[in-house]
Amino acid sequence: MLPWPFKIIVYPMAEYMVLVWIGAIAIGFWLFLYVLPLNLWITALFSGVHVNLLNLVFMRVRKVPPGLIVKSLILATKAGIKGITASQLETHYLAKGNLTNVIKALVVADKANLKLDYQQATAIDLAGRDVLRAVQLSVSPYMIIVPSITGISIEGIQLITEARVTVRANIQQLVGGAGEETIKARVGQGIISTIGQSGYMQVLENPDRISKSVLDNGLDAGTAFTILSIDIADINIGRNIGAILQMDQANADLNVAKAKAEERRAMAVATEQEMIARVQEAKANVIIEEAKIPMALAGAFRSGRLMGNRK
């Protein structure tokens, strides 16, 4: 029998080993449940979803969260959506798709009586669009705010307009259809064209003319939206571009006239200077000829011609 100091040491060691074994068993049980997700399998079973337990284990190996797959299947089953399998959900997850958004979009579309199947929803999601938001926009219209658009009327008056476009998402055109920026660009182009063909007073008195003209052009063709209405929120008068252009033209004509007048003045000055130079040249010739007179007289005296003439 051990003395009492050794008893004090042995008993704590035994308790420590018991705690170690309990911890090891708990960790092992947790690892067992992690590898073999019995809780998910039982939850799916009681929810009316039939999932193979080994398939859940293999999902762990393929780095697919089985909890997400099971919850998505349960949500689809409870919503009455049929034909969706765990393999399809796993494939979409591995393709970097947003599985939760797809299932929620299918549920919303089913409740709203919209035609949307699983293949179409996954295609929209993998195309980079928010399929859930698209379905919600198909149920509730969405307003697109078009930035300020500046147009020039027939009279040359600048009109600055702000438009609001009410649209509904077109699920059938979400894959390959143009987005919101295209709607803005087409509406802006239509507003500029309509203002350019109208007088500014007509536009100010009847803004609906712009809305009707733009709406009749079928601007939503090839886009992911259906345009319900186009409303002109505000119209402001800007500068008189026609008057500014006329003033600029008048200034340009004035500058041309000034340039021509300056050219004529310069030519006149040049002609005057040329005449002065000719006068000076003529005076120089006269002086040269006058200088020759004394020489001629001296020659005449020497030769006696001048004296003979006097006799």
Protein backbone atom coordinates (compact mmCIF):
# COMPACT_ATOMS: atom_id res chain seq x y z
CA MET A 1 0.00 0.00 0.00
CA LEU A 2 1.33 3.42 -1.00
CA PRO A 3 2.04 6.05 1.59
CA TRP A 4 -0.32 9.00 1.76
CA PRO A 5 1.77 11.52 -0.28
CA PHE A 6 1.73 9.14 -3.26
CA LYS A 7 -2.03 8.67 -2.91
CA ILE A 8 -2.52 12.41 -3.33
CA ILE A 9 -0.52 12.30 -6.60
CA VAL A 10 -2.12 9.13 -8.01
CA TYR A 11 -5.74 10.14 -7.55
CA PRO A 12 -5.45 13.40 -9.53
CA MET A 13 -3.60 11.54 -12.29
CA ALA A 14 -6.45 9.05 -12.56
CA GLU A 15 -9.01 11.85 -12.73
CA TYR A 16 -6.93 13.58 -15.41
CA MET A 17 -6.84 10.42 -17.53
CA VAL A 18 -10.59 10.10 -17.19
CA LEU A 19 -11.05 13.66 -18.43
CA VAL A 20 -8.69 12.99 -21.34
CA TRP A 21 -10.69 9.90 -22.33
CA ILE A 22 -13.96 11.81 -22.08
CA GLY A 23 -12.54 14.60 -24.28
CA ALA A 24 -11.21 12.13 -26.81
CA ILE A 25 -14.58 10.38 -26.99
CA ALA A 26 -16.38 13.71 -27.44
CA ILE A 27 -14.01 14.80 -30.22
CA GLY A 28 -14.32 11.40 -31.89
CA PHE A 29 -18.11 11.57 -31.71
CA TRP A 30 -18.07 15.08 -33.18
CA LEU A 31 -15.80 13.93 -36.01
CA PHE A 32 -18.09 10.99 -36.61
CA LEU A 33 -21.12 13.26 -36.87
CA TYR A 34 -19.17 15.66 -39.11
CA VAL A 35 -18.14 12.92 -41.52
CA LEU A 36 -21.47 11.12 -41.23
CA PRO A 37 -24.08 13.92 -40.88
CA LEU A 38 -26.84 11.92 -39.23
CA ASN A 39 -28.62 15.07 -38.03
CA LEU A 40 -28.97 16.40 -41.58
CA TRP A 41 -30.15 13.00 -42.82
CA ILE A 42 -32.73 12.76 -40.05
CA THR A 43 -33.90 16.34 -40.68
CA ALA A 44 -34.29 15.64 -44.39
CA LEU A 45 -36.11 12.38 -43.68
CA PHE A 46 -38.67 14.04 -41.41
CA SER A 47 -39.10 16.87 -43.96
CA GLY A 48 -40.07 14.47 -46.71
CA VAL A 49 -36.77 14.74 -48.60
CA HIS A 50 -35.07 11.47 -49.47
CA VAL A 51 -31.30 11.81 -49.47
CA ASN A 52 -28.77 9.01 -49.43
CA LEU A 53 -26.61 9.13 -46.30
CA LEU A 54 -23.51 8.06 -48.23
CA ASN A 55 -24.16 10.82 -50.73
CA LEU A 56 -23.95 13.33 -47.87
CA VAL A 57 -20.62 11.82 -46.85
CA PHE A 58 -19.28 12.07 -50.40
CA MET A 59 -20.34 15.73 -50.48
CA ARG A 60 -17.86 16.36 -47.69
CA VAL A 61 -15.17 14.76 -49.83
CA ARG A 62 -16.11 16.93 -52.83
CA LYS A 63 -16.02 20.04 -50.59
CA VAL A 64 -19.73 20.68 -50.99
CA PRO A 65 -21.59 21.75 -47.82
CA PRO A 66 -24.30 19.09 -47.32
CA GLY A 67 -26.22 21.43 -45.01
CA LEU A 68 -26.78 23.89 -47.88
CA ILE A 69 -27.93 21.13 -50.23
CA VAL A 70 -30.33 19.61 -47.68
CA LYS A 71 -31.80 22.99 -46.69
CA SER A 72 -32.31 23.92 -50.35
CA LEU A 73 -34.06 20.60 -51.01
CA ILE A 74 -36.28 21.05 -47.96
CA LEU A 75 -37.20 24.61 -49.01
CA ALA A 76 -38.05 23.49 -52.55
CA THR A 77 -40.06 20.51 -51.31
CA LYS A 78 -42.07 22.54 -48.80
CA ALA A 79 -42.80 25.14 -51.51
CA GLY A 80 -44.15 22.42 -53.80
CA ILE A 81 -41.37 22.66 -56.37
CA LYS A 82 -40.66 19.21 -57.79
CA GLY A 83 -38.05 17.76 -60.09
CA ILE A 84 -34.99 19.13 -58.28
CA THR A 85 -32.40 16.60 -57.18
CA ALA A 86 -29.41 16.82 -54.86
CA SER A 87 -27.11 16.13 -57.81
CA GLN A 88 -28.43 19.19 -59.68
CA LEU A 89 -27.97 21.42 -56.64
CA GLU A 90 -24.45 20.10 -56.10
CA THR A 91 -23.57 20.72 -59.76
CA HIS A 92 -24.77 24.31 -59.57
CA TYR A 93 -22.80 24.90 -56.36
CA LEU A 94 -19.63 23.53 -57.93
CA ALA A 95 -20.21 25.87 -60.89
CA LYS A 96 -19.91 28.83 -58.45
CA GLY A 97 -23.62 29.56 -58.55
CA ASN A 98 -25.69 31.17 -55.81
CA LEU A 99 -27.80 28.20 -54.79
CA THR A 100 -29.82 30.02 -52.14
CA ASN A 101 -30.87 32.77 -54.58
CA VAL A 102 -31.92 30.22 -57.19
CA ILE A 103 -34.19 28.29 -54.81
CA LYS A 104 -35.70 31.48 -53.39
CA ALA A 105 -36.30 32.79 -56.91
CA LEU A 106 -38.09 29.56 -57.84
CA VAL A 107 -40.28 29.85 -54.75
CA VAL A 108 -41.18 33.49 -55.48
CA ALA A 109 -41.87 32.73 -59.15
CA ASP A 110 -44.08 29.78 -58.20
CA LYS A 111 -46.13 31.89 -55.78
CA ALA A 112 -46.47 34.68 -58.35
CA ASN A 113 -47.48 32.27 -61.15
CA LEU A 114 -44.43 33.16 -63.23
CA LYS A 115 -43.03 30.66 -65.70
CA LEU A 116 -39.55 29.83 -64.42
CA ASP A 117 -37.96 26.38 -64.24
CA TYR A 118 -34.78 25.26 -62.52
CA GLN A 119 -32.65 25.15 -65.68
CA GLN A 120 -33.60 28.68 -66.65
CA ALA A 121 -33.01 29.99 -63.13
CA THR A 122 -29.53 28.45 -62.94
CA ALA A 123 -28.68 29.81 -66.42
CA ILE A 124 -29.68 33.32 -65.33
CA ASP A 125 -27.65 32.96 -62.13
CA LEU A 126 -24.53 31.70 -63.91
CA ALA A 127 -24.85 34.54 -66.43
CA GLY A 128 -23.99 36.94 -63.60
CA ARG A 129 -27.46 38.33 -62.93
CA ASP A 130 -29.30 38.35 -59.62
CA VAL A 131 -32.08 35.90 -60.41
CA LEU A 132 -33.96 36.59 -57.16
CA ARG A 133 -34.02 40.35 -57.80
CA ALA A 134 -35.07 39.72 -61.40
CA VAL A 135 -38.06 37.67 -60.26
CA GLN A 136 -38.96 40.32 -57.71
CA LEU A 137 -38.78 43.01 -60.42
CA SER A 138 -41.04 40.88 -62.58
CA VAL A 139 -43.64 40.99 -59.81
CA SER A 140 -43.12 44.61 -58.72
CA PRO A 141 -42.23 47.27 -61.37
CA TYR A 142 -38.96 49.10 -60.99
CA MET A 143 -38.19 52.76 -61.73
CA ILE A 144 -35.04 53.71 -63.65
CA ILE A 145 -33.94 57.33 -63.15
CA VAL A 146 -32.49 58.78 -66.35
CA PRO A 147 -29.89 61.53 -65.77
CA SER A 148 -30.44 65.04 -67.14
CA ILE A 149 -30.82 64.98 -70.92
CA THR A 150 -30.09 68.14 -72.92
CA GLY A 151 -31.82 68.67 -76.27
CA ILE A 152 -32.02 71.56 -78.74
CA SER A 153 -35.41 72.63 -80.11
CA ILE A 154 -36.07 73.87 -83.64
CA GLU A 155 -35.62 77.48 -82.49
CA GLY A 156 -32.24 76.65 -81.00
CA ILE A 157 -33.44 76.78 -77.38
CA GLN A 158 -31.68 74.39 -75.03
CA LEU A 159 -34.09 72.19 -72.99
CA ILE A 160 -32.84 70.13 -70.04
CA THR A 161 -35.16 67.23 -69.12
CA GLU A 162 -35.26 64.59 -66.39
CA ALA A 163 -37.10 61.34 -67.07
CA ARG A 164 -38.35 58.40 -65.00
CA VAL A 165 -38.73 55.04 -66.75
CA THR A 166 -40.93 52.38 -65.14
CA VAL A 167 -39.90 48.88 -66.22
CA ARG A 168 -40.64 45.27 -65.41
CA ALA A 169 -37.99 42.58 -65.70
CA ASN A 170 -38.46 40.18 -68.62
CA ILE A 171 -37.31 36.80 -67.35
CA GLN A 172 -37.22 35.31 -70.83
CA GLN A 173 -34.68 37.95 -71.94
CA LEU A 174 -32.43 37.99 -68.88
CA VAL A 175 -29.86 35.74 -70.55
CA GLY A 176 -28.35 37.74 -73.41
CA GLY A 177 -30.59 40.79 -72.95
CA ALA A 178 -29.22 44.31 -72.56
CA GLY A 179 -29.26 45.91 -69.13
CA GLU A 180 -30.32 49.11 -67.44
CA GLU A 181 -27.67 51.32 -69.06
CA THR A 182 -29.01 50.46 -72.51
CA ILE A 183 -32.49 51.58 -71.45
CA LYS A 184 -31.07 54.89 -70.22
CA ALA A 185 -29.13 55.45 -73.44
CA ARG A 186 -32.11 54.67 -75.69
CA VAL A 187 -34.49 56.85 -73.71
CA GLY A 188 -31.99 59.72 -73.78
CA GLN A 189 -31.57 59.34 -77.53
CA GLY A 190 -35.34 59.34 -78.04
CA ILE A 191 -35.79 62.47 -75.91
CA ILE A 192 -33.08 64.38 -77.80
CA SER A 193 -34.58 63.36 -81.15
CA THR A 194 -38.12 64.36 -80.13
CA ILE A 195 -37.01 67.75 -78.78
CA GLY A 196 -35.01 68.41 -81.93
CA GLN A 197 -38.13 67.93 -84.05
CA SER A 198 -40.36 70.16 -81.90
CA GLY A 199 -40.61 73.78 -80.87
CA TYR A 200 -39.67 74.58 -77.32
CA MET A 201 -43.12 75.99 -76.53
CA GLN A 202 -44.74 72.74 -77.71
CA VAL A 203 -42.48 70.75 -75.42
CA LEU A 204 -43.13 73.00 -72.43
CA GLU A 205 -46.89 72.98 -72.97
CA ASN A 206 -47.18 69.24 -73.58
CA PRO A 207 -44.36 67.11 -72.05
CA ASP A 208 -46.44 63.98 -72.70
CA ARG A 209 -45.57 64.41 -76.35
CA ILE A 210 -42.02 63.36 -75.53
CA SER A 211 -43.20 60.36 -73.51
CA LYS A 212 -45.56 59.09 -76.19
CA SER A 213 -43.06 59.61 -79.00
CA VAL A 214 -40.26 57.82 -77.16
CA LEU A 215 -42.50 55.01 -75.91
CA ASP A 216 -43.75 54.27 -79.45
CA ASN A 217 -40.21 53.55 -80.67
CA GLY A 218 -40.02 50.12 -78.97
CA LEU A 219 -36.94 50.94 -76.92
CA ASP A 220 -37.13 47.74 -74.86
CA ALA A 221 -36.40 45.47 -77.82
CA GLY A 222 -33.47 43.17 -77.07
CA THR A 223 -33.27 44.22 -73.42
CA ALA A 224 -34.00 42.38 -70.18
CA PHE A 225 -36.84 44.78 -69.35
CA THR A 226 -40.32 45.68 -70.54
CA ILE A 227 -40.94 49.44 -70.48
CA LEU A 228 -44.28 50.24 -68.87
CA SER A 229 -44.15 54.05 -68.94
CA ILE A 230 -41.84 57.00 -69.50
CA ASP A 231 -42.57 60.10 -67.43
CA ILE A 232 -40.94 63.51 -67.82
CA ALA A 233 -40.25 64.66 -64.27
CA ASP A 234 -38.85 68.11 -65.03
CA ILE A 235 -38.01 70.44 -67.94
CA ASN A 236 -35.72 73.45 -67.62
CA ILE A 237 -34.80 76.04 -70.25
CA GLY A 238 -31.10 76.43 -70.83
CA ARG A 239 -29.21 78.75 -73.14
CA ASN A 240 -30.38 80.06 -76.49
CA ILE A 241 -27.95 78.11 -78.60
CA GLY A 242 -29.37 79.53 -81.86
CA ALA A 243 -28.77 83.12 -80.76
CA ILE A 244 -25.30 82.24 -79.50
CA LEU A 245 -24.47 80.64 -82.85
CA GLN A 246 -25.76 83.71 -84.70
CA MET A 247 -23.68 85.98 -82.50
CA ASP A 248 -20.65 83.81 -83.07
CA GLN A 249 -21.29 83.91 -86.83
CA ALA A 250 -21.69 87.70 -86.75
CA ASN A 251 -18.44 88.04 -84.80
CA ALA A 252 -16.74 85.74 -87.26
CA ASP A 253 -18.03 87.81 -90.21
CA LEU A 254 -16.90 91.00 -88.46
CA ASN A 255 -13.44 89.58 -87.91
CA VAL A 256 -13.26 88.55 -91.57
CA ALA A 257 -14.32 92.05 -92.64
CA LYS A 258 -11.73 93.60 -90.32
CA ALA A 259 -9.07 91.31 -91.72
CA LYS A 260 -9.95 92.24 -95.29
CA ALA A 261 -9.99 95.96 -94.42
CA GLU A 262 -6.63 95.60 -92.74
CA GLU A 263 -5.35 93.82 -95.81
CA ARG A 264 -6.56 96.63 -98.08
CA ARG A 265 -5.04 99.25 -95.76
CA ALA A 266 -1.76 97.41 -95.76
CA MET A 267 -1.82 97.25 -99.55
CA ALA A 268 -2.55 101.00 -99.72
CA VAL A 269 0.32 101.75 -97.37
CA ALA A 270 2.60 99.54 -99.41
CA THR A 271 1.53 101.29 -102.63
CA GLU A 272 2.11 104.69 -101.01
CA GLN A 273 5.57 103.69 -99.90
CA GLU A 274 6.29 102.38 -103.36
CA MET A 275 5.26 105.72 -104.89
CA ILE A 276 7.40 107.63 -102.40
CA ALA A 277 10.34 105.40 -103.29
CA ARG A 278 9.77 106.12 -107.01
CA VAL A 279 9.63 109.89 -106.33
CA GLN A 280 12.86 109.69 -104.43
CA GLU A 281 14.39 107.69 -107.25
CA ALA A 282 13.25 110.30 -109.79
CA LYS A 283 14.68 113.12 -107.66
CA ALA A 284 17.96 111.26 -107.44
CA ASN A 285 18.05 110.94 -111.24
CA VAL A 286 17.33 114.66 -111.60
CA ILE A 287 20.17 115.50 -109.24
CA ILE A 288 22.50 113.23 -111.16
CA GLU A 289 21.55 114.90 -114.42
CA GLU A 290 21.88 118.39 -112.91
CA ALA A 291 25.36 117.48 -111.73
CA LYS A 292 26.31 116.77 -115.33
CA ILE A 293 25.45 120.33 -116.49
CA PRO A 294 28.60 122.10 -115.10
CA MET A 295 30.75 119.39 -116.60
CA ALA A 296 29.10 119.92 -119.96
CA LEU A 297 29.59 123.67 -119.76
CA ALA A 298 33.24 123.29 -118.85
CA GLY A 299 33.76 120.98 -121.77
CA ALA A 300 32.08 123.45 -124.05
CA PHE A 301 34.34 126.30 -122.87
CA ARG A 302 37.41 124.19 -123.36
CA SER A 303 36.46 123.23 -126.83
CA GLY A 304 35.52 126.79 -127.78
CA ARG A 305 32.10 125.75 -128.92
CA LEU A 306 30.38 127.97 -126.47
CA MET A 307 32.52 131.08 -127.50
CA GLY A 308 32.04 130.38 -131.17
CA ASN A 309 28.37 130.35 -130.78
CA ARG A 310 28.53 133.77 -129.19
CA LYS A 311 30.43 135.22 -132.23
